[in-house]
Amino acid sequence: MKLLLYMEERKKEIIRLKFAICLSRLLAKNKMLSESDISTISSLRQLEAASGVSYPIIQQTSIGRRDIHLSTALRLIESLNLKASEFFALYDSLTERDLKEGLKEIEARKK
């Protein structure tokens, strides 16, 4: 029973990590685009303003520490001017290597 609980928690951690990596990649991509388009959301604070989701929730989500409701995830995704299918195509495309690299990036941002 403890093993099943551990495995379930591990699955949740991976889901949070994958969401955080996608969010980070999209904001980084937007940061490069924002030089030519100032309306592009390229920071957590801009995402807060556009989505109405509080900064602490976005920040904790961006480092994989917080579970969010689907409605909150969709507000964030739509605020980035993406369709859910586009976001989750990126989510589904993440490899094991992407997860390892993303985890290193998140750990570096936490410091």
N, C-alpha and C. Protein backbone atom coordinates (compact mmCIF):
# COMPACT_ATOMS: atom_id res chain seq x y z
N MET A 1 0.82 -1.19 0.00
CA MET A 1 0.00 0.00 0.00
C MET A 1 0.87 1.26 0.00
N LYS A 2 1.95 1.27 0.80
CA LYS A 2 2.83 2.43 0.85
C LYS A 2 3.50 2.66 -0.49
N LEU A 3 3.84 1.58 -1.17
CA LEU A 3 4.46 1.70 -2.49
C LEU A 3 3.51 2.35 -3.48
N LEU A 4 2.24 1.98 -3.43
CA LEU A 4 1.24 2.58 -4.32
C LEU A 4 1.08 4.08 -4.05
N LEU A 5 1.07 4.45 -2.78
CA LEU A 5 0.97 5.86 -2.42
C LEU A 5 2.20 6.63 -2.90
N TYR A 6 3.36 6.03 -2.75
CA TYR A 6 4.60 6.65 -3.21
C TYR A 6 4.56 6.85 -4.73
N MET A 7 4.12 5.83 -5.44
CA MET A 7 4.06 5.90 -6.90
C MET A 7 3.07 6.97 -7.35
N GLU A 8 1.97 7.07 -6.67
CA GLU A 8 0.96 8.07 -7.00
C GLU A 8 1.50 9.48 -6.77
N GLU A 9 2.19 9.67 -5.66
CA GLU A 9 2.79 10.97 -5.37
C GLU A 9 3.87 11.31 -6.39
N ARG A 10 4.62 10.32 -6.79
CA ARG A 10 5.67 10.53 -7.82
C ARG A 10 5.04 10.97 -9.14
N LYS A 11 3.91 10.38 -9.51
CA LYS A 11 3.21 10.77 -10.74
C LYS A 11 2.78 12.23 -10.66
N LYS A 12 2.29 12.64 -9.51
CA LYS A 12 1.87 14.04 -9.32
C LYS A 12 3.06 14.98 -9.44
N GLU A 13 4.20 14.59 -8.88
CA GLU A 13 5.40 15.41 -8.98
C GLU A 13 5.81 15.59 -10.44
N ILE A 14 5.73 14.54 -11.21
CA ILE A 14 6.10 14.61 -12.63
C ILE A 14 5.14 15.52 -13.39
N ILE A 15 3.86 15.43 -13.10
CA ILE A 15 2.88 16.31 -13.74
C ILE A 15 3.18 17.77 -13.41
N ARG A 16 3.45 18.06 -12.14
CA ARG A 16 3.77 19.44 -11.74
C ARG A 16 5.05 19.92 -12.43
N LEU A 17 6.05 19.05 -12.50
CA LEU A 17 7.32 19.40 -13.14
C LEU A 17 7.12 19.67 -14.62
N LYS A 18 6.37 18.83 -15.30
CA LYS A 18 6.13 19.02 -16.73
C LYS A 18 5.38 20.33 -16.99
N PHE A 19 4.41 20.64 -16.17
CA PHE A 19 3.67 21.90 -16.33
C PHE A 19 4.61 23.08 -16.12
N ALA A 20 5.45 23.00 -15.10
CA ALA A 20 6.39 24.07 -14.79
C ALA A 20 7.38 24.27 -15.94
N ILE A 21 7.87 23.19 -16.51
CA ILE A 21 8.81 23.28 -17.62
C ILE A 21 8.15 23.93 -18.83
N CYS A 22 6.95 23.53 -19.14
CA CYS A 22 6.22 24.13 -20.26
C CYS A 22 6.04 25.63 -20.04
N LEU A 23 5.61 26.00 -18.86
CA LEU A 23 5.41 27.41 -18.54
C LEU A 23 6.72 28.18 -18.71
N SER A 24 7.78 27.63 -18.19
CA SER A 24 9.09 28.28 -18.28
C SER A 24 9.55 28.42 -19.72
N ARG A 25 9.39 27.39 -20.51
CA ARG A 25 9.81 27.44 -21.92
C ARG A 25 9.00 28.47 -22.69
N LEU A 26 7.72 28.51 -22.44
CA LEU A 26 6.88 29.46 -23.16
C LEU A 26 7.21 30.90 -22.79
N LEU A 27 7.46 31.16 -21.52
CA LEU A 27 7.83 32.50 -21.10
C LEU A 27 9.19 32.90 -21.67
N ALA A 28 10.13 31.95 -21.72
CA ALA A 28 11.44 32.23 -22.31
C ALA A 28 11.31 32.53 -23.80
N LYS A 29 10.48 31.76 -24.48
CA LYS A 29 10.24 32.01 -25.91
C LYS A 29 9.62 33.39 -26.10
N ASN A 30 8.65 33.71 -25.26
CA ASN A 30 7.99 35.01 -25.35
C ASN A 30 8.96 36.15 -25.03
N LYS A 31 9.91 35.89 -24.14
CA LYS A 31 10.88 36.93 -23.79
C LYS A 31 11.69 37.32 -25.03
N MET A 32 12.03 36.34 -25.85
CA MET A 32 12.75 36.64 -27.09
C MET A 32 11.86 37.41 -28.06
N LEU A 33 10.58 37.07 -28.09
CA LEU A 33 9.65 37.74 -28.99
C LEU A 33 9.27 39.13 -28.49
N SER A 34 9.36 39.34 -27.18
CA SER A 34 8.87 40.60 -26.60
C SER A 34 9.69 41.80 -27.04
N GLU A 35 10.88 41.55 -27.59
CA GLU A 35 11.67 42.66 -28.09
C GLU A 35 10.96 43.34 -29.25
N SER A 36 10.19 42.57 -30.01
CA SER A 36 9.47 43.14 -31.15
C SER A 36 7.98 43.39 -30.85
N ASP A 37 7.48 42.82 -29.76
CA ASP A 37 6.06 42.97 -29.43
C ASP A 37 5.91 43.11 -27.92
N ILE A 38 5.70 44.33 -27.48
CA ILE A 38 5.65 44.58 -26.03
C ILE A 38 4.41 44.00 -25.36
N SER A 39 3.42 43.57 -26.15
CA SER A 39 2.21 42.99 -25.57
C SER A 39 2.40 41.50 -25.24
N THR A 40 3.55 40.94 -25.60
CA THR A 40 3.81 39.53 -25.34
C THR A 40 4.13 39.32 -23.86
N ILE A 41 3.50 38.33 -23.26
CA ILE A 41 3.72 38.03 -21.84
C ILE A 41 5.01 37.23 -21.70
N SER A 42 5.97 37.80 -20.97
CA SER A 42 7.27 37.14 -20.85
C SER A 42 7.77 37.03 -19.41
N SER A 43 6.90 37.31 -18.44
CA SER A 43 7.31 37.19 -17.03
C SER A 43 6.13 36.70 -16.20
N LEU A 44 6.45 36.22 -15.02
CA LEU A 44 5.40 35.75 -14.11
C LEU A 44 4.49 36.89 -13.69
N ARG A 45 5.05 38.08 -13.50
CA ARG A 45 4.23 39.24 -13.11
C ARG A 45 3.27 39.64 -14.22
N GLN A 46 3.74 39.61 -15.46
CA GLN A 46 2.85 39.91 -16.58
C GLN A 46 1.76 38.86 -16.70
N LEU A 47 2.13 37.60 -16.45
CA LEU A 47 1.15 36.53 -16.49
C LEU A 47 0.10 36.71 -15.40
N GLU A 48 0.53 37.17 -14.24
CA GLU A 48 -0.41 37.46 -13.16
C GLU A 48 -1.42 38.52 -13.60
N ALA A 49 -0.91 39.60 -14.19
CA ALA A 49 -1.79 40.69 -14.61
C ALA A 49 -2.76 40.25 -15.69
N ALA A 50 -2.28 39.45 -16.61
CA ALA A 50 -3.12 39.02 -17.74
C ALA A 50 -4.15 37.96 -17.35
N SER A 51 -3.78 37.09 -16.42
CA SER A 51 -4.65 35.95 -16.09
C SER A 51 -5.55 36.19 -14.89
N GLY A 52 -5.15 37.08 -14.00
CA GLY A 52 -5.89 37.28 -12.77
C GLY A 52 -5.57 36.24 -11.70
N VAL A 53 -4.62 35.36 -12.00
CA VAL A 53 -4.16 34.36 -11.03
C VAL A 53 -3.07 35.02 -10.19
N SER A 54 -3.12 34.83 -8.88
CA SER A 54 -2.17 35.52 -8.01
C SER A 54 -0.73 35.08 -8.25
N TYR A 55 0.17 36.02 -8.05
CA TYR A 55 1.60 35.75 -8.26
C TYR A 55 2.10 34.55 -7.45
N PRO A 56 1.76 34.44 -6.16
CA PRO A 56 2.27 33.28 -5.40
C PRO A 56 1.84 31.93 -6.02
N ILE A 57 0.63 31.87 -6.53
CA ILE A 57 0.17 30.62 -7.16
C ILE A 57 0.97 30.37 -8.42
N ILE A 58 1.16 31.39 -9.25
CA ILE A 58 1.93 31.23 -10.48
C ILE A 58 3.37 30.86 -10.16
N GLN A 59 3.96 31.55 -9.20
CA GLN A 59 5.36 31.30 -8.85
C GLN A 59 5.56 29.88 -8.34
N GLN A 60 4.69 29.42 -7.45
CA GLN A 60 4.80 28.06 -6.93
C GLN A 60 4.55 27.02 -8.02
N THR A 61 3.65 27.33 -8.93
CA THR A 61 3.38 26.43 -10.06
C THR A 61 4.59 26.38 -10.99
N SER A 62 5.25 27.52 -11.17
CA SER A 62 6.38 27.60 -12.09
C SER A 62 7.61 26.84 -11.62
N ILE A 63 7.62 26.46 -10.35
CA ILE A 63 8.74 25.65 -9.85
C ILE A 63 8.27 24.24 -9.44
N GLY A 64 7.06 23.91 -9.83
CA GLY A 64 6.57 22.56 -9.62
C GLY A 64 6.16 22.23 -8.20
N ARG A 65 5.89 23.24 -7.41
CA ARG A 65 5.52 23.00 -6.01
C ARG A 65 4.04 23.05 -5.73
N ARG A 66 3.24 23.39 -6.73
CA ARG A 66 1.82 23.58 -6.46
C ARG A 66 0.97 22.91 -7.52
N ASP A 67 -0.04 22.20 -7.05
CA ASP A 67 -1.07 21.67 -7.94
C ASP A 67 -2.07 22.79 -8.16
N ILE A 68 -2.58 22.89 -9.39
CA ILE A 68 -3.60 23.89 -9.67
C ILE A 68 -4.80 23.21 -10.31
N HIS A 69 -5.92 23.86 -10.20
CA HIS A 69 -7.14 23.36 -10.84
C HIS A 69 -7.02 23.52 -12.34
N LEU A 70 -7.77 22.73 -13.05
CA LEU A 70 -7.78 22.81 -14.51
C LEU A 70 -8.19 24.20 -14.97
N SER A 71 -9.17 24.78 -14.31
CA SER A 71 -9.62 26.12 -14.70
C SER A 71 -8.50 27.15 -14.56
N THR A 72 -7.67 27.01 -13.54
CA THR A 72 -6.53 27.91 -13.34
C THR A 72 -5.49 27.68 -14.43
N ALA A 73 -5.22 26.42 -14.72
CA ALA A 73 -4.26 26.10 -15.79
C ALA A 73 -4.72 26.70 -17.11
N LEU A 74 -6.00 26.58 -17.40
CA LEU A 74 -6.52 27.11 -18.65
C LEU A 74 -6.45 28.64 -18.69
N ARG A 75 -6.68 29.29 -17.56
CA ARG A 75 -6.54 30.75 -17.52
C ARG A 75 -5.11 31.16 -17.84
N LEU A 76 -4.13 30.42 -17.29
CA LEU A 76 -2.73 30.73 -17.56
C LEU A 76 -2.40 30.50 -19.03
N ILE A 77 -2.83 29.35 -19.54
CA ILE A 77 -2.55 28.99 -20.93
C ILE A 77 -3.18 30.00 -21.88
N GLU A 78 -4.43 30.33 -21.67
CA GLU A 78 -5.12 31.28 -22.54
C GLU A 78 -4.52 32.68 -22.44
N SER A 79 -4.00 33.03 -21.28
CA SER A 79 -3.35 34.34 -21.12
C SER A 79 -2.06 34.42 -21.92
N LEU A 80 -1.48 33.27 -22.22
CA LEU A 80 -0.28 33.22 -23.06
C LEU A 80 -0.65 33.17 -24.55
N ASN A 81 -1.94 33.38 -24.82
CA ASN A 81 -2.47 33.36 -26.20
C ASN A 81 -2.23 32.02 -26.88
N LEU A 82 -2.44 30.96 -26.13
CA LEU A 82 -2.31 29.61 -26.65
C LEU A 82 -3.63 28.87 -26.52
N LYS A 83 -3.80 27.91 -27.37
CA LYS A 83 -4.90 26.97 -27.21
C LYS A 83 -4.40 25.89 -26.26
N ALA A 84 -5.31 25.29 -25.52
CA ALA A 84 -4.93 24.22 -24.60
C ALA A 84 -4.22 23.10 -25.37
N SER A 85 -4.69 22.80 -26.57
CA SER A 85 -4.08 21.72 -27.36
C SER A 85 -2.63 22.04 -27.70
N GLU A 86 -2.31 23.31 -27.93
CA GLU A 86 -0.92 23.69 -28.23
C GLU A 86 -0.04 23.51 -26.99
N PHE A 87 -0.56 23.95 -25.85
CA PHE A 87 0.20 23.81 -24.60
C PHE A 87 0.45 22.33 -24.30
N PHE A 88 -0.61 21.53 -24.41
CA PHE A 88 -0.46 20.12 -24.04
C PHE A 88 0.28 19.31 -25.09
N ALA A 89 0.39 19.82 -26.31
CA ALA A 89 1.27 19.18 -27.30
C ALA A 89 2.72 19.34 -26.83
N LEU A 90 3.06 20.52 -26.33
CA LEU A 90 4.40 20.73 -25.76
C LEU A 90 4.59 19.84 -24.54
N TYR A 91 3.60 19.81 -23.68
CA TYR A 91 3.62 18.99 -22.47
C TYR A 91 3.89 17.52 -22.82
N ASP A 92 3.16 17.01 -23.82
CA ASP A 92 3.31 15.61 -24.21
C ASP A 92 4.63 15.32 -24.90
N SER A 93 5.24 16.33 -25.48
CA SER A 93 6.49 16.12 -26.22
C SER A 93 7.72 16.09 -25.32
N LEU A 94 7.57 16.45 -24.05
CA LEU A 94 8.73 16.48 -23.16
C LEU A 94 9.30 15.09 -22.97
N THR A 95 10.61 15.01 -23.08
CA THR A 95 11.31 13.73 -22.92
C THR A 95 11.89 13.63 -21.51
N GLU A 96 12.42 12.48 -21.21
CA GLU A 96 13.10 12.28 -19.92
C GLU A 96 14.25 13.28 -19.77
N ARG A 97 14.95 13.51 -20.86
CA ARG A 97 16.05 14.48 -20.85
C ARG A 97 15.53 15.88 -20.55
N ASP A 98 14.42 16.24 -21.17
CA ASP A 98 13.81 17.55 -20.90
C ASP A 98 13.47 17.70 -19.42
N LEU A 99 12.96 16.63 -18.82
CA LEU A 99 12.60 16.68 -17.40
C LEU A 99 13.84 16.90 -16.54
N LYS A 100 14.92 16.21 -16.87
CA LYS A 100 16.16 16.37 -16.09
C LYS A 100 16.71 17.78 -16.23
N GLU A 101 16.75 18.28 -17.46
CA GLU A 101 17.24 19.65 -17.69
C GLU A 101 16.33 20.68 -17.04
N GLY A 102 15.03 20.47 -17.16
CA GLY A 102 14.07 21.39 -16.57
C GLY A 102 14.18 21.43 -15.05
N LEU A 103 14.39 20.28 -14.46
CA LEU A 103 14.55 20.21 -13.01
C LEU A 103 15.79 20.98 -12.57
N LYS A 104 16.87 20.86 -13.33
CA LYS A 104 18.09 21.62 -13.01
C LYS A 104 17.84 23.11 -13.11
N GLU A 105 17.13 23.54 -14.14
CA GLU A 105 16.81 24.96 -14.31
C GLU A 105 15.95 25.47 -13.15
N ILE A 106 14.97 24.68 -12.77
CA ILE A 106 14.08 25.08 -11.66
C ILE A 106 14.87 25.17 -10.37
N GLU A 107 15.73 24.21 -10.12
CA GLU A 107 16.55 24.23 -8.90
C GLU A 107 17.45 25.47 -8.88
N ALA A 108 17.99 25.84 -10.04
CA ALA A 108 18.85 27.02 -10.13
C ALA A 108 18.03 28.29 -9.83
N ARG A 109 16.78 28.36 -10.30
CA ARG A 109 15.93 29.52 -10.05
C ARG A 109 15.53 29.63 -8.60
N LYS A 110 15.44 28.52 -7.90
CA LYS A 110 15.04 28.53 -6.49
C LYS A 110 16.09 29.18 -5.60
N LYS A 111 17.34 29.16 -6.05
CA LYS A 111 18.44 29.68 -5.21
C LYS A 111 18.53 31.17 -5.21
